[in-house]
C-alpha atoms as a PDB file:
ATOM      1  CA  MET A   1     -26.464 -37.164  21.455  1.00  0.00           C
ATOM      2  CA  THR A   2     -23.926 -39.908  20.675  1.00  0.00           C
ATOM      3  CA  SER A   3     -20.304 -39.679  21.755  1.00  0.00           C
ATOM      4  CA  ASP A   4     -19.261 -38.979  18.144  1.00  0.00           C
ATOM      5  CA  GLN A   5     -21.807 -36.146  17.842  1.00  0.00           C
ATOM      6  CA  THR A   6     -20.711 -34.669  21.160  1.00  0.00           C
ATOM      7  CA  THR A   7     -17.027 -34.705  20.157  1.00  0.00           C
ATOM      8  CA  GLU A   8     -17.785 -33.251  16.731  1.00  0.00           C
ATOM      9  CA  GLN A   9     -19.887 -30.495  18.287  1.00  0.00           C
ATOM     10  CA  ARG A  10     -17.114 -29.647  20.759  1.00  0.00           C
ATOM     11  CA  ILE A  11     -14.662 -29.353  17.868  1.00  0.00           C
ATOM     12  CA  LEU A  12     -17.050 -27.142  15.892  1.00  0.00           C
ATOM     13  CA  GLU A  13     -17.694 -24.814  18.835  1.00  0.00           C
ATOM     14  CA  ALA A  14     -13.975 -24.550  19.602  1.00  0.00           C
ATOM     15  CA  ALA A  15     -13.140 -23.974  15.936  1.00  0.00           C
ATOM     16  CA  LYS A  16     -15.815 -21.307  15.652  1.00  0.00           C
ATOM     17  CA  ALA A  17     -14.327 -19.383  18.577  1.00  0.00           C
ATOM     18  CA  VAL A  18     -10.786 -19.632  17.163  1.00  0.00           C
ATOM     19  CA  PHE A  19     -11.753 -18.825  13.563  1.00  0.00           C
ATOM     20  CA  PHE A  20     -13.889 -15.869  14.634  1.00  0.00           C
ATOM     21  CA  GLU A  21     -11.027 -14.434  16.656  1.00  0.00           C
ATOM     22  CA  LYS A  22      -8.068 -15.248  14.390  1.00  0.00           C
ATOM     23  CA  GLY A  23      -9.459 -15.979  10.935  1.00  0.00           C
ATOM     24  CA  LEU A  24      -8.571 -18.862   8.650  1.00  0.00           C
ATOM     25  CA  ASN A  25      -4.910 -17.944   8.281  1.00  0.00           C
ATOM     26  CA  GLY A  26      -4.319 -17.285  11.983  1.00  0.00           C
ATOM     27  CA  ALA A  27      -6.122 -20.358  13.324  1.00  0.00           C
ATOM     28  CA  ARG A  28      -4.121 -23.470  14.286  1.00  0.00           C
ATOM     29  CA  MET A  29      -5.482 -26.989  14.608  1.00  0.00           C
ATOM     30  CA  GLN A  30      -3.574 -27.451  17.878  1.00  0.00           C
ATOM     31  CA  GLU A  31      -5.260 -24.405  19.377  1.00  0.00           C
ATOM     32  CA  ILE A  32      -8.677 -25.718  18.282  1.00  0.00           C
ATOM     33  CA  ALA A  33      -7.881 -29.115  19.808  1.00  0.00           C
ATOM     34  CA  ASP A  34      -6.749 -27.489  23.071  1.00  0.00           C
ATOM     35  CA  LYS A  35      -9.904 -25.383  23.239  1.00  0.00           C
ATOM     36  CA  ALA A  36     -12.064 -28.467  22.619  1.00  0.00           C
ATOM     37  CA  GLY A  37     -10.137 -30.423  25.270  1.00  0.00           C
ATOM     38  CA  ILE A  38      -9.063 -33.195  22.890  1.00  0.00           C
ATOM     39  CA  ASN A  39      -5.916 -34.179  21.017  1.00  0.00           C
ATOM     40  CA  LYS A  40      -5.120 -32.796  17.567  1.00  0.00           C
ATOM     41  CA  ALA A  41      -5.283 -36.222  15.926  1.00  0.00           C
ATOM     42  CA  LEU A  42      -8.963 -36.416  16.837  1.00  0.00           C
ATOM     43  CA  VAL A  43      -9.652 -33.061  15.163  1.00  0.00           C
ATOM     44  CA  HIS A  44      -7.971 -34.384  11.993  1.00  0.00           C
ATOM     45  CA  TYR A  45      -9.961 -37.623  12.275  1.00  0.00           C
ATOM     46  CA  TYR A  46     -13.275 -35.744  12.191  1.00  0.00           C
ATOM     47  CA  PHE A  47     -12.424 -32.957   9.741  1.00  0.00           C
ATOM     48  CA  ARG A  48      -9.201 -34.005   7.940  1.00  0.00           C
ATOM     49  CA  SER A  49      -7.856 -30.471   7.472  1.00  0.00           C
ATOM     50  CA  LYS A  50      -8.169 -26.889   8.633  1.00  0.00           C
ATOM     51  CA  ASP A  51      -9.824 -25.955   5.316  1.00  0.00           C
ATOM     52  CA  LYS A  52     -12.508 -28.632   5.740  1.00  0.00           C
ATOM     53  CA  LEU A  53     -13.142 -27.497   9.306  1.00  0.00           C
ATOM     54  CA  PHE A  54     -13.368 -23.893   8.128  1.00  0.00           C
ATOM     55  CA  SER A  55     -15.865 -24.947   5.428  1.00  0.00           C
ATOM     56  CA  ALA A  56     -18.015 -26.690   8.027  1.00  0.00           C
ATOM     57  CA  ILE A  57     -18.019 -23.602  10.253  1.00  0.00           C
ATOM     58  CA  PHE A  58     -18.739 -21.230   7.390  1.00  0.00           C
ATOM     59  CA  GLU A  59     -21.564 -23.461   6.149  1.00  0.00           C
ATOM     60  CA  GLU A  60     -23.165 -23.565   9.599  1.00  0.00           C
ATOM     61  CA  VAL A  61     -22.857 -19.825  10.184  1.00  0.00           C
ATOM     62  CA  SER A  62     -23.908 -18.695   6.700  1.00  0.00           C
ATOM     63  CA  SER A  63     -26.868 -21.104   6.618  1.00  0.00           C
ATOM     64  CA  ARG A  64     -28.118 -19.884   9.988  1.00  0.00           C
ATOM     65  CA  VAL A  65     -27.601 -16.172   9.402  1.00  0.00           C
ATOM     66  CA  PHE A  66     -28.572 -16.085   5.734  1.00  0.00           C
ATOM     67  CA  GLY A  67     -31.524 -18.369   6.439  1.00  0.00           C
ATOM     68  CA  ARG A  68     -32.847 -15.883   8.970  1.00  0.00           C
ATOM     69  CA  PHE A  69     -32.439 -12.963   6.574  1.00  0.00           C
ATOM     70  CA  ILE A  70     -33.927 -14.864   3.619  1.00  0.00           C
ATOM     71  CA  ALA A  71     -37.021 -15.687   5.676  1.00  0.00           C
ATOM     72  CA  ILE A  72     -37.451 -11.966   6.425  1.00  0.00           C
ATOM     73  CA  PHE A  73     -37.147 -10.847   2.802  1.00  0.00           C
ATOM     74  CA  ARG A  74     -39.334 -13.659   1.426  1.00  0.00           C
ATOM     75  CA  SER A  75     -42.154 -12.976   3.862  1.00  0.00           C
ATOM     76  CA  GLN A  76     -45.409 -11.306   2.833  1.00  0.00           C
ATOM     77  CA  ASP A  77     -44.779  -8.389   5.203  1.00  0.00           C
ATOM     78  CA  THR A  78     -44.613  -4.795   4.021  1.00  0.00           C
ATOM     79  CA  LEU A  79     -41.273  -3.364   2.938  1.00  0.00           C
ATOM     80  CA  GLU A  80     -41.214  -1.166   6.042  1.00  0.00           C
ATOM     81  CA  HIS A  81     -41.748  -4.169   8.325  1.00  0.00           C
ATOM     82  CA  LYS A  82     -39.017  -6.121   6.520  1.00  0.00           C
ATOM     83  CA  ILE A  83     -36.541  -3.273   6.972  1.00  0.00           C
ATOM     84  CA  ARG A  84     -37.382  -2.994  10.681  1.00  0.00           C
ATOM     85  CA  THR A  85     -37.163  -6.747  11.201  1.00  0.00           C
ATOM     86  CA  PHE A  86     -33.894  -6.997   9.291  1.00  0.00           C
ATOM     87  CA  CYS A  87     -32.230  -4.170  11.243  1.00  0.00           C
ATOM     88  CA  SER A  88     -33.261  -5.842  14.485  1.00  0.00           C
ATOM     89  CA  ALA A  89     -32.100  -9.301  13.365  1.00  0.00           C
ATOM     90  CA  TYR A  90     -28.774  -7.996  12.026  1.00  0.00           C
ATOM     91  CA  ILE A  91     -27.960  -6.173  15.248  1.00  0.00           C
ATOM     92  CA  ASP A  92     -29.068  -9.182  17.336  1.00  0.00           C
ATOM     93  CA  GLU A  93     -26.689 -11.415  15.361  1.00  0.00           C
ATOM     94  CA  GLY A  94     -23.856  -8.968  16.000  1.00  0.00           C
ATOM     95  CA  ILE A  95     -24.537  -8.828  19.728  1.00  0.00           C
ATOM     96  CA  SER A  96     -24.876 -12.603  20.139  1.00  0.00           C
ATOM     97  CA  SER A  97     -21.749 -13.316  18.031  1.00  0.00           C
ATOM     98  CA  PRO A  98     -19.497 -10.265  18.501  1.00  0.00           C
ATOM     99  CA  TYR A  99     -16.661 -11.643  16.353  1.00  0.00           C
ATOM    100  CA  LEU A 100     -18.930 -12.741  13.494  1.00  0.00           C
ATOM    101  CA  LEU A 101     -19.010  -9.526  11.448  1.00  0.00           C
ATOM    102  CA  SER A 102     -15.284  -8.864  11.833  1.00  0.00           C
ATOM    103  CA  PHE A 103     -14.611 -12.473  10.890  1.00  0.00           C
ATOM    104  CA  LEU A 104     -16.729 -12.267   7.720  1.00  0.00           C
ATOM    105  CA  PHE A 105     -15.307  -8.918   6.606  1.00  0.00           C
ATOM    106  CA  ASN A 106     -11.720  -9.965   7.318  1.00  0.00           C
ATOM    107  CA  GLU A 107     -12.080 -13.285   5.511  1.00  0.00           C
ATOM    108  CA  ILE A 108     -13.754 -11.669   2.483  1.00  0.00           C
ATOM    109  CA  ASN A 109     -10.802  -9.260   2.258  1.00  0.00           C
ATOM    110  CA  ARG A 110      -8.118 -11.864   2.934  1.00  0.00           C
ATOM    111  CA  ASN A 111      -9.581 -14.848   1.091  1.00  0.00           C
ATOM    112  CA  PRO A 112     -12.249 -13.610  -1.370  1.00  0.00           C
ATOM    113  CA  ARG A 113     -11.932 -16.680  -3.588  1.00  0.00           C
ATOM    114  CA  VAL A 114     -12.438 -19.040  -0.645  1.00  0.00           C
ATOM    115  CA  ILE A 115     -15.418 -17.124   0.748  1.00  0.00           C
ATOM    116  CA  PHE A 116     -17.253 -16.655  -2.542  1.00  0.00           C
ATOM    117  CA  GLN A 117     -16.688 -20.308  -3.382  1.00  0.00           C
ATOM    118  CA  GLN A 118     -18.400 -21.146  -0.084  1.00  0.00           C
ATOM    119  CA  LEU A 119     -21.343 -18.891  -1.008  1.00  0.00           C
ATOM    120  CA  LYS A 120     -21.659 -20.231  -4.558  1.00  0.00           C
ATOM    121  CA  GLY A 121     -25.184 -21.497  -5.243  1.00  0.00           C
ATOM    122  CA  LYS A 122     -26.647 -20.018  -2.068  1.00  0.00           C
ATOM    123  CA  THR A 123     -29.533 -17.557  -2.132  1.00  0.00           C
ATOM    124  CA  ASN A 124     -28.232 -14.064  -1.472  1.00  0.00           C
ATOM    125  CA  PRO A 125     -30.629 -12.327   0.955  1.00  0.00           C
ATOM    126  CA  PHE A 126     -29.310  -8.885   0.042  1.00  0.00           C
ATOM    127  CA  MET A 127     -30.200  -9.458  -3.606  1.00  0.00           C
ATOM    128  CA  LEU A 128     -33.740 -10.307  -2.494  1.00  0.00           C
ATOM    129  CA  LEU A 129     -34.027  -6.931  -0.784  1.00  0.00           C
ATOM    130  CA  ARG A 130     -32.405  -5.177  -3.744  1.00  0.00           C
ATOM    131  CA  ASP A 131     -34.960  -6.734  -6.103  1.00  0.00           C
ATOM    132  CA  GLU A 132     -37.861  -5.724  -3.856  1.00  0.00           C
ATOM    133  CA  LEU A 133     -36.569  -2.165  -3.582  1.00  0.00           C
ATOM    134  CA  THR A 134     -36.239  -2.005  -7.370  1.00  0.00           C
ATOM    135  CA  ALA A 135     -39.819  -3.247  -7.796  1.00  0.00           C
ATOM    136  CA  GLU A 136     -41.153  -0.693  -5.288  1.00  0.00           C
ATOM    137  CA  ILE A 137     -39.261   2.107  -7.051  1.00  0.00           C
ATOM    138  CA  GLU A 138     -40.718   1.046 -10.396  1.00  0.00           C
ATOM    139  CA  LYS A 139     -44.222   1.061  -8.878  1.00  0.00           C
ATOM    140  CA  GLY A 140     -43.594   4.552  -7.548  1.00  0.00           C
ATOM    141  CA  SER A 141     -44.320   3.599  -3.951  1.00  0.00           C
ATOM    142  CA  ILE A 142     -40.895   4.752  -2.709  1.00  0.00           C
ATOM    143  CA  ARG A 143     -38.376   7.340  -3.842  1.00  0.00           C
ATOM    144  CA  ALA A 144     -36.119   6.515  -6.772  1.00  0.00           C
ATOM    145  CA  VAL A 145     -32.918   5.687  -4.892  1.00  0.00           C
ATOM    146  CA  ASN A 146     -29.995   3.490  -5.841  1.00  0.00           C
ATOM    147  CA  PRO A 147     -30.908   0.120  -4.221  1.00  0.00           C
ATOM    148  CA  VAL A 148     -27.257  -0.863  -3.772  1.00  0.00           C
ATOM    149  CA  ASN A 149     -26.444   2.419  -2.027  1.00  0.00           C
ATOM    150  CA  LEU A 150     -29.468   1.961   0.188  1.00  0.00           C
ATOM    151  CA  LEU A 151     -28.305  -1.533   1.134  1.00  0.00           C
ATOM    152  CA  LEU A 152     -24.861  -0.137   1.940  1.00  0.00           C
ATOM    153  CA  ASN A 153     -26.486   2.448   4.191  1.00  0.00           C
ATOM    154  CA  ILE A 154     -28.482  -0.196   6.061  1.00  0.00           C
ATOM    155  CA  LEU A 155     -25.505  -2.531   6.499  1.00  0.00           C
ATOM    156  CA  SER A 156     -23.149   0.286   7.524  1.00  0.00           C
ATOM    157  CA  LEU A 157     -25.537   1.826  10.036  1.00  0.00           C
ATOM    158  CA  CYS A 158     -26.171  -1.575  11.627  1.00  0.00           C
ATOM    159  CA  ALA A 159     -22.645  -2.980  11.466  1.00  0.00           C
ATOM    160  CA  PHE A 160     -20.438  -0.116  12.606  1.00  0.00           C
ATOM    161  CA  PRO A 161     -21.618   0.017  16.253  1.00  0.00           C
ATOM    162  CA  ILE A 162     -21.078  -3.752  16.486  1.00  0.00           C
ATOM    163  CA  ILE A 163     -17.569  -3.707  15.027  1.00  0.00           C
ATOM    164  CA  ALA A 164     -16.703  -0.561  16.984  1.00  0.00           C
ATOM    165  CA  LYS A 165     -17.996  -1.827  20.340  1.00  0.00           C
ATOM    166  CA  PRO A 166     -14.637  -1.418  22.173  1.00  0.00           C
ATOM    167  CA  LEU A 167     -14.400   2.154  20.874  1.00  0.00           C
ATOM    168  CA  LEU A 168     -17.928   2.972  22.036  1.00  0.00           C
ATOM    169  CA  LEU A 169     -17.401   1.442  25.481  1.00  0.00           C
ATOM    170  CA  ASN A 170     -14.220   3.420  26.064  1.00  0.00           C
ATOM    171  CA  ALA A 171     -15.059   6.669  24.274  1.00  0.00           C
ATOM    172  CA  PHE A 172     -18.450   7.148  25.916  1.00  0.00           C
ATOM    173  CA  HIS A 173     -17.885   5.239  29.200  1.00  0.00           C
ATOM    174  CA  ILE A 174     -21.292   3.567  28.833  1.00  0.00           C
ATOM    175  CA  GLY A 175     -20.513   0.094  30.197  1.00  0.00           C
ATOM    176  CA  GLU A 176     -21.897  -3.216  28.968  1.00  0.00           C
ATOM    177  CA  GLN A 177     -25.522  -2.546  29.940  1.00  0.00           C
ATOM    178  CA  GLY A 178     -25.333   0.948  28.477  1.00  0.00           C
ATOM    179  CA  TYR A 179     -24.072  -0.569  25.228  1.00  0.00           C
ATOM    180  CA  LEU A 180     -26.932  -3.083  25.122  1.00  0.00           C
ATOM    181  CA  ASP A 181     -29.452  -0.297  25.781  1.00  0.00           C
ATOM    182  CA  LEU A 182     -27.879   1.765  23.001  1.00  0.00           C
ATOM    183  CA  MET A 183     -28.086  -1.151  20.565  1.00  0.00           C
ATOM    184  CA  ALA A 184     -31.757  -1.704  21.436  1.00  0.00           C
ATOM    185  CA  GLU A 185     -32.390   1.945  20.520  1.00  0.00           C
ATOM    186  CA  ARG A 186     -30.229   1.519  17.429  1.00  0.00           C
ATOM    187  CA  LYS A 187     -32.583  -1.065  15.918  1.00  0.00           C
ATOM    188  CA  LYS A 188     -35.400   1.485  15.726  1.00  0.00           C
ATOM    189  CA  GLU A 189     -33.123   4.416  14.940  1.00  0.00           C
ATOM    190  CA  VAL A 190     -31.578   2.810  11.859  1.00  0.00           C
ATOM    191  CA  ALA A 191     -34.931   1.577  10.547  1.00  0.00           C
ATOM    192  CA  ASP A 192     -36.467   5.031  11.061  1.00  0.00           C
ATOM    193  CA  ILE A 193     -33.618   6.689   9.131  1.00  0.00           C
ATOM    194  CA  ILE A 194     -33.924   4.278   6.203  1.00  0.00           C
ATOM    195  CA  ILE A 195     -37.718   4.407   6.021  1.00  0.00           C
ATOM    196  CA  GLN A 196     -37.780   8.190   6.222  1.00  0.00           C
ATOM    197  CA  TYR A 197     -35.150   8.298   3.460  1.00  0.00           C
ATOM    198  CA  ILE A 198     -37.127   6.150   1.004  1.00  0.00           C
ATOM    199  CA  ASN A 199     -40.608   7.519   1.716  1.00  0.00           C
ATOM    200  CA  LYS A 200     -41.916  10.032  -0.805  1.00  0.00           C
END
């Protein structure tokens, strides 16, 4: 890695941590520079503005996460296997990047125009699953359910324990390892609920 690449990567990692914790509006270039261990002028040299830095972070995160989900839904696996794999991948993403879901939800609520502009032209993995569910319903292989409601059920069942981690840790006194064990069980639990719901 060149010196330029190393510096740019340090800025991106620092910005990701600050944006995830404080959002676009709450983040400050000085704080990002401090976290990266460089001066603010250097951050501006590489990314010009906070908005451009935010765009770079959002592009990296959405490409990685959406790319993983798109690969699942475009595979030749059965619908059941896709649902199981997606639940597992979604929860894994939440555990590895605990601020990611809160960041995305907060930014969509605070800056919908900015976020949907960032997503413009990208393949929407959730629409891929919606289309497959619709096709399976039309074939009669699963129950006639509202695909959008089903997607909401999957996302809600996977996302809530990630967003509510502090509540779970304190309400149930399970500790960090207990939480990880619970989330491992959750992957199967959510998939089982969804599959049982759509099976005839």
